[in-house]
Amino acid sequence: MSGGRGETINVTLKVWRQEGPDVAGRFETYHQAISTDASFLEMLDLLNEQLNDSGQEPVAFESDCREGICGTCGVMINGRAHGPQKATATCQLHMREFRDGDEIVIEPFRAAGFPVIRDLAVDRSPLDRIIEAGGFISVNTGAASDANLTPVPKAAADQAFDAAACIGCGACVAACPNSAAQLFTSAKVGHLGLLPQGQAERWSRTESMVEVMEEFFGSCTNHGECFEACPKEISLDFIAFMNRDYMKAKVKNRALASQH
C-alpha cells in the first residue's frame, strides 16, 4: 500500500524512552496503523491513547500551538531534527511523508545543552538564559508617536522581520555536530540590532548574549546543518552579522568601561 493522502499505513516506531535525566534510556518498539492525513504529533497522541488504555506509561513529548509558531515541539525523526520535510516543524509534519512499512526512529533533541527531562522532552531553558542576557529595550517612548516618525530602511526592516521569525525550537542546536546555538542567538541579536529601537543596548546586549551562549553550547564551524534543520530557514548571514557585532562590542564596551 502506498502512502497517499487519506490512506492508512502501518509503520514501526522505535521510540526513545527515558524515565528521567539520570536514568539510562532505551528504544522501545511499537506498531501503529495511522491515516496519512494525520499529523506526526497526532500519531503520537494515538499511540499514547493506546498505551494509556493498556495501562502503560505514555510517551512524554512537547507541543503547544501545533501551528509551527511557538517552538515547543521538536524531536529527531530518523536522525533529522523535525523530520524529512524541509522548513517544517514537527507539529506540521504529516504522515503522508512516510510510506507503508516504514520504520521511524524517534529520539529527543541530542545536545549537552538540552538534557533529557523524560522520553522525548528536553530542557531547553539555556535558550531562555540567552534571551534573558539580552536584557530589555530601555527607550523612553513617552506618548505614542506619529506613524512613521522613526524611518526604518526597508532592507533593515525586512532583515529584522526574517530574524524575528525564529521560534526558538532548538533544531539548529540538535542538528549541529558541535551542538552550537549560533543561529538561534544571531537571530535574536539580529532582529533587535537591526532596528532603531535596539540601538541603545546593542553592544552590551550582543556581548552578554554571546557569552551566555558559550556557557552552554559548542562553537560554530560553518557546517550549515543549522540552516538545513531550521523550520523558518533563518539565514546563516545572521551568524556573520552577530560575529561582526560581537567583535565591535568587545572594543566599544572596553572603551566605555575605561571612561568610568
Protein backbone atom coordinates (compact mmCIF):
# COMPACT_ATOMS: atom_id res chain seq x y z
CA MET A 1 0.00 0.00 0.00
CA SER A 2 1.37 3.42 -0.88
CA GLY A 3 1.34 6.35 1.49
CA GLY A 4 -1.01 8.60 -0.49
CA ARG A 5 -3.37 11.15 1.02
CA GLY A 6 -6.13 9.68 3.14
CA GLU A 7 -4.81 6.12 3.15
CA THR A 8 -3.99 4.05 6.21
CA ILE A 9 -0.39 2.96 6.55
CA ASN A 10 1.28 0.66 9.05
CA VAL A 11 4.56 1.89 10.50
CA THR A 12 7.01 0.60 13.07
CA LEU A 13 8.03 3.17 15.67
CA LYS A 14 11.29 2.94 17.57
CA VAL A 15 10.75 5.49 20.34
CA TRP A 16 13.32 6.64 22.88
CA ARG A 17 12.05 6.04 26.43
CA GLN A 18 13.85 7.52 29.44
CA GLU A 19 12.25 7.92 32.85
CA GLY A 20 14.43 10.85 33.90
CA PRO A 21 17.65 12.77 33.27
CA ASP A 22 19.74 10.47 35.47
CA VAL A 23 18.28 7.19 34.19
CA ALA A 24 19.60 5.19 31.26
CA GLY A 25 17.32 5.32 28.25
CA ARG A 26 16.43 2.71 25.64
CA PHE A 27 14.41 2.32 22.46
CA GLU A 28 11.03 0.65 22.60
CA THR A 29 9.24 -0.63 19.50
CA TYR A 30 5.57 -0.02 18.72
CA HIS A 31 3.44 -0.81 15.68
CA GLN A 32 0.99 1.82 14.56
CA ALA A 33 -1.73 2.00 11.91
CA ILE A 34 -2.36 5.63 11.04
CA SER A 35 -4.02 7.74 8.36
CA THR A 36 -1.69 9.69 6.11
CA ASP A 37 -3.94 12.71 6.79
CA ALA A 38 -2.81 12.67 10.45
CA SER A 39 0.00 14.89 11.66
CA PHE A 40 3.07 13.35 13.23
CA LEU A 41 2.02 14.54 16.69
CA GLU A 42 -1.50 13.19 16.17
CA MET A 43 0.16 9.85 15.50
CA LEU A 44 1.97 10.15 18.87
CA ASP A 45 -1.33 11.17 20.50
CA LEU A 46 -2.95 7.99 19.17
CA LEU A 47 -0.01 5.90 20.39
CA ASN A 48 -0.37 7.44 23.86
CA GLU A 49 -4.10 6.71 23.94
CA GLN A 50 -3.33 3.07 23.20
CA LEU A 51 -0.59 2.98 25.85
CA ASN A 52 -2.97 4.51 28.40
CA ASP A 53 -5.70 2.01 27.54
CA SER A 54 -3.28 -0.86 28.09
CA GLY A 55 -2.05 0.55 31.42
CA GLN A 56 1.37 1.59 30.12
CA GLU A 57 3.15 4.90 30.59
CA PRO A 58 2.52 7.29 27.69
CA VAL A 59 5.42 8.82 25.76
CA ALA A 60 6.34 12.28 27.02
CA PHE A 61 6.80 14.86 24.26
CA GLU A 62 6.33 18.60 23.99
CA SER A 63 3.81 20.58 21.96
CA ASP A 64 1.59 23.62 22.31
CA CYS A 65 0.21 25.60 19.40
CA ARG A 66 0.71 22.84 16.79
CA GLU A 67 0.84 25.54 14.13
CA GLY A 68 4.61 25.90 13.75
CA ILE A 69 4.68 29.13 15.73
CA CYS A 70 5.51 28.50 19.40
CA GLY A 71 8.70 26.42 19.03
CA THR A 72 7.67 23.99 21.77
CA CYS A 73 7.73 20.84 19.65
CA GLY A 74 10.81 19.19 18.26
CA VAL A 75 12.19 15.65 18.04
CA MET A 76 14.74 13.81 15.93
CA ILE A 77 12.97 11.74 13.29
CA ASN A 78 15.18 9.20 11.53
CA GLY A 79 18.20 11.24 12.56
CA ARG A 80 16.87 14.60 11.34
CA ALA A 81 15.65 17.45 13.53
CA HIS A 82 11.91 17.90 12.84
CA GLY A 83 11.98 15.10 10.27
CA PRO A 84 12.26 14.73 6.49
CA GLN A 85 10.29 17.76 5.29
CA LYS A 86 12.35 20.93 4.95
CA ALA A 87 11.16 24.18 6.59
CA THR A 88 8.61 22.26 8.66
CA ALA A 89 8.29 21.98 12.44
CA THR A 90 7.49 18.57 13.92
CA CYS A 91 3.90 19.63 14.61
CA GLN A 92 3.34 20.47 10.93
CA LEU A 93 4.82 17.23 9.61
CA HIS A 94 2.18 14.83 8.30
CA MET A 95 2.26 11.08 7.96
CA ARG A 96 1.91 11.40 4.18
CA GLU A 97 5.69 11.93 4.24
CA PHE A 98 6.05 8.26 5.19
CA ARG A 99 5.19 5.02 3.43
CA ASP A 100 3.52 1.80 4.44
CA GLY A 101 6.00 -0.46 6.23
CA ASP A 102 8.42 2.33 7.16
CA GLU A 103 10.43 2.15 10.36
CA ILE A 104 10.53 5.54 12.08
CA VAL A 105 13.15 6.21 14.76
CA ILE A 106 12.05 8.96 17.16
CA GLU A 107 14.54 10.50 19.59
CA PRO A 108 14.81 13.66 21.68
CA PHE A 109 17.00 16.55 20.51
CA ARG A 110 20.55 15.41 21.32
CA ALA A 111 22.79 18.12 22.79
CA ALA A 112 24.65 18.57 26.06
CA GLY A 113 22.83 21.88 26.49
CA PHE A 114 19.46 20.10 26.20
CA PRO A 115 19.38 17.44 28.96
CA VAL A 116 16.55 14.94 28.66
CA ILE A 117 13.68 15.52 31.09
CA ARG A 118 11.72 12.43 30.12
CA ASP A 119 11.41 10.41 26.91
CA LEU A 120 11.30 12.93 24.04
CA ALA A 121 11.07 16.06 26.22
CA VAL A 122 14.28 18.03 26.83
CA ASP A 123 15.22 21.04 28.93
CA ARG A 124 15.72 23.95 26.53
CA SER A 125 15.94 26.61 29.24
CA PRO A 126 19.53 27.54 28.20
CA LEU A 127 17.91 29.27 25.22
CA ASP A 128 15.87 31.31 27.68
CA ARG A 129 19.06 32.21 29.53
CA ILE A 130 20.46 33.66 26.32
CA ILE A 131 17.33 35.77 25.86
CA GLU A 132 17.48 36.95 29.47
CA ALA A 133 21.10 38.01 28.98
CA GLY A 134 19.92 40.35 26.24
CA GLY A 135 18.01 42.42 28.77
CA PHE A 136 15.34 44.80 27.56
CA ILE A 137 14.93 47.82 25.34
CA SER A 138 15.15 50.82 27.67
CA VAL A 139 13.92 53.53 25.31
CA ASN A 140 11.62 56.04 26.99
CA THR A 141 8.86 56.13 24.41
CA GLY A 142 6.66 58.66 26.21
CA ALA A 143 3.39 59.29 24.44
CA ALA A 144 2.55 57.40 21.31
CA SER A 145 4.49 58.82 18.39
CA ASP A 146 3.13 59.59 14.98
CA ALA A 147 3.21 56.78 12.50
CA ASN A 148 6.47 56.51 10.57
CA LEU A 149 8.13 59.14 12.80
CA THR A 150 11.25 56.95 13.02
CA PRO A 151 12.26 55.99 9.50
CA VAL A 152 13.50 52.41 9.12
CA PRO A 153 15.18 51.41 5.85
CA LYS A 154 13.17 48.69 4.13
CA ALA A 155 16.22 46.42 3.84
CA ALA A 156 16.78 46.62 7.62
CA ALA A 157 13.08 46.09 8.34
CA ASP A 158 12.98 43.05 6.08
CA GLN A 159 16.09 41.56 7.68
CA ALA A 160 14.76 42.18 11.18
CA PHE A 161 11.48 40.53 10.24
CA ASP A 162 13.33 37.50 8.86
CA ALA A 163 15.36 37.19 12.08
CA ALA A 164 12.27 37.57 14.26
CA ALA A 165 10.74 34.54 12.51
CA CYS A 166 12.92 32.31 14.73
CA ILE A 167 10.62 30.31 17.01
CA GLY A 168 13.38 29.13 19.36
CA CYS A 169 12.71 25.42 18.86
CA GLY A 170 16.38 24.44 19.17
CA ALA A 171 16.55 22.37 15.98
CA CYS A 172 19.69 24.28 14.98
CA VAL A 173 21.42 23.05 18.14
CA ALA A 174 20.22 19.47 17.68
CA ALA A 175 21.35 19.36 14.03
CA CYS A 176 24.78 20.90 14.60
CA PRO A 177 27.69 18.43 15.04
CA ASN A 178 29.06 20.84 17.67
CA SER A 179 25.70 21.48 19.38
CA ALA A 180 26.19 25.17 18.64
CA ALA A 181 23.45 27.77 19.15
CA GLN A 182 24.83 30.49 16.90
CA LEU A 183 21.86 30.51 14.53
CA PHE A 184 19.34 30.94 17.35
CA THR A 185 21.41 33.56 19.15
CA SER A 186 22.23 35.51 16.00
CA ALA A 187 18.55 35.64 15.06
CA LYS A 188 17.70 37.13 18.45
CA VAL A 189 20.63 39.55 18.31
CA GLY A 190 19.81 40.48 14.74
CA HIS A 191 16.14 41.29 15.00
CA LEU A 192 16.88 43.83 17.75
CA GLY A 193 20.21 45.12 16.47
CA LEU A 194 18.83 45.97 13.03
CA LEU A 195 16.12 48.35 14.26
CA PRO A 196 16.47 51.89 15.70
CA GLN A 197 14.79 50.87 18.97
CA GLY A 198 17.50 48.32 19.63
CA GLN A 199 20.50 50.60 19.29
CA ALA A 200 20.71 51.85 22.88
CA GLU A 201 21.83 48.48 24.29
CA ARG A 202 23.14 46.97 21.05
CA TRP A 203 26.73 46.42 22.13
CA SER A 204 26.13 45.33 25.71
CA ARG A 205 23.31 43.07 24.55
CA THR A 206 25.43 41.38 21.92
CA GLU A 207 28.35 40.72 24.24
CA SER A 208 26.13 39.38 27.03
CA MET A 209 24.07 37.08 24.83
CA VAL A 210 27.07 35.59 23.03
CA GLU A 211 28.96 34.93 26.26
CA VAL A 212 25.98 33.23 27.91
CA MET A 213 25.54 31.15 24.75
CA GLU A 214 29.14 29.97 25.05
CA GLU A 215 28.49 28.70 28.58
CA PHE A 216 26.02 26.09 27.31
CA PHE A 217 26.73 25.36 23.68
CA GLY A 218 29.56 24.49 21.30
CA SER A 219 31.31 26.62 18.71
CA CYS A 220 30.19 27.22 15.14
CA THR A 221 32.45 25.70 12.48
CA ASN A 222 30.23 26.53 9.48
CA HIS A 223 28.74 23.10 8.81
CA GLY A 224 25.45 24.76 7.85
CA GLU A 225 23.29 21.97 9.29
CA CYS A 226 21.50 24.54 11.44
CA PHE A 227 20.03 26.26 8.38
CA GLU A 228 19.00 22.93 6.85
CA ALA A 229 17.12 21.94 10.03
CA CYS A 230 15.57 25.34 10.78
CA PRO A 231 11.79 25.27 10.21
CA LYS A 232 11.87 29.01 9.45
CA GLU A 233 15.00 28.85 7.27
CA ILE A 234 16.88 31.52 9.22
CA SER A 235 19.83 32.63 7.07
CA LEU A 236 23.41 31.84 8.01
CA ASP A 237 24.10 35.52 7.26
CA PHE A 238 22.83 36.36 10.73
CA ILE A 239 25.73 34.44 12.27
CA ALA A 240 28.15 36.64 10.33
CA PHE A 241 26.18 39.70 11.47
CA MET A 242 26.45 38.57 15.11
CA ASN A 243 30.16 37.75 14.88
CA ARG A 244 30.87 41.19 13.45
CA ASP A 245 28.82 42.90 16.15
CA TYR A 246 30.47 40.83 18.88
CA MET A 247 33.94 41.92 17.76
CA LYS A 248 32.80 45.55 17.67
CA ALA A 249 31.10 45.14 21.05
CA LYS A 250 34.30 43.96 22.74
CA VAL A 251 36.10 47.11 21.56
CA LYS A 252 33.24 49.53 22.24
CA ASN A 253 32.36 48.10 25.67
CA ARG A 254 36.02 48.13 26.74
CA ALA A 255 36.31 51.76 25.63
CA LEU A 256 33.15 52.69 27.54
CA ALA A 257 34.37 50.88 30.67
CA SER A 258 37.68 52.79 30.59
CA GLN A 259 35.78 56.08 30.67
CA HIS A 260 34.18 55.32 34.03
